[in-house]
Amino acid sequence: MTEQPNTNPNVALVQRFYEGYVGRDMEKIREVLAGDVTWLIPGHHPLAGLKRGPDEIVAFFDQLAEADFQAEVISLSASEDWVVDVHRGWGEYGEAKLDMNWVLAYRIRDGKISEVQNFAADQHAADLFFWRVWGERLRPLPDRLS
């Protein structure tokens, strides 16, 4: 059976985001983001927190690329103003590895992504991974030299 393209414009918008993400095309990502977009990354790790505006969000994705973090969409569904994305996300950096499912809720406004909330299947594993990859850079200098 041939898969039919989704004609929902909100799903198509998130698919364009993924095209940019997979291709590491930060300009393509910027094109789908509203100027006042917010993106909430949950957790207690160096990359967690609320990202405001396209510049902060693109900087976040630039950081993810350091750990070769990748995503594979499992499902996209939409309502009038929201898209729910279930995807497999994985990355590896030295001994640090992570591979699990994530759910993202995208609010769509005026044909752009205006808000994203990210939910991890195992937040503790995500925190550990992100600390292993980026936390070393944040430790005091004497600790990093020992």
Foldseek 3Di string as FASTA:
>chain_A
DDDDDDPPLVVVLVVQCQVCLQVVPLVSNLVQADQFAWEAADADADLGGIATGSVRVNVSSVVCVQQVKHKDWDDWDDDPFKIKTKIWIWGHDPPQIDTAIKIKIFGDDPRHGRYIYIGTPDRVSVRVRRCVRPVLVVDDPVVNVD
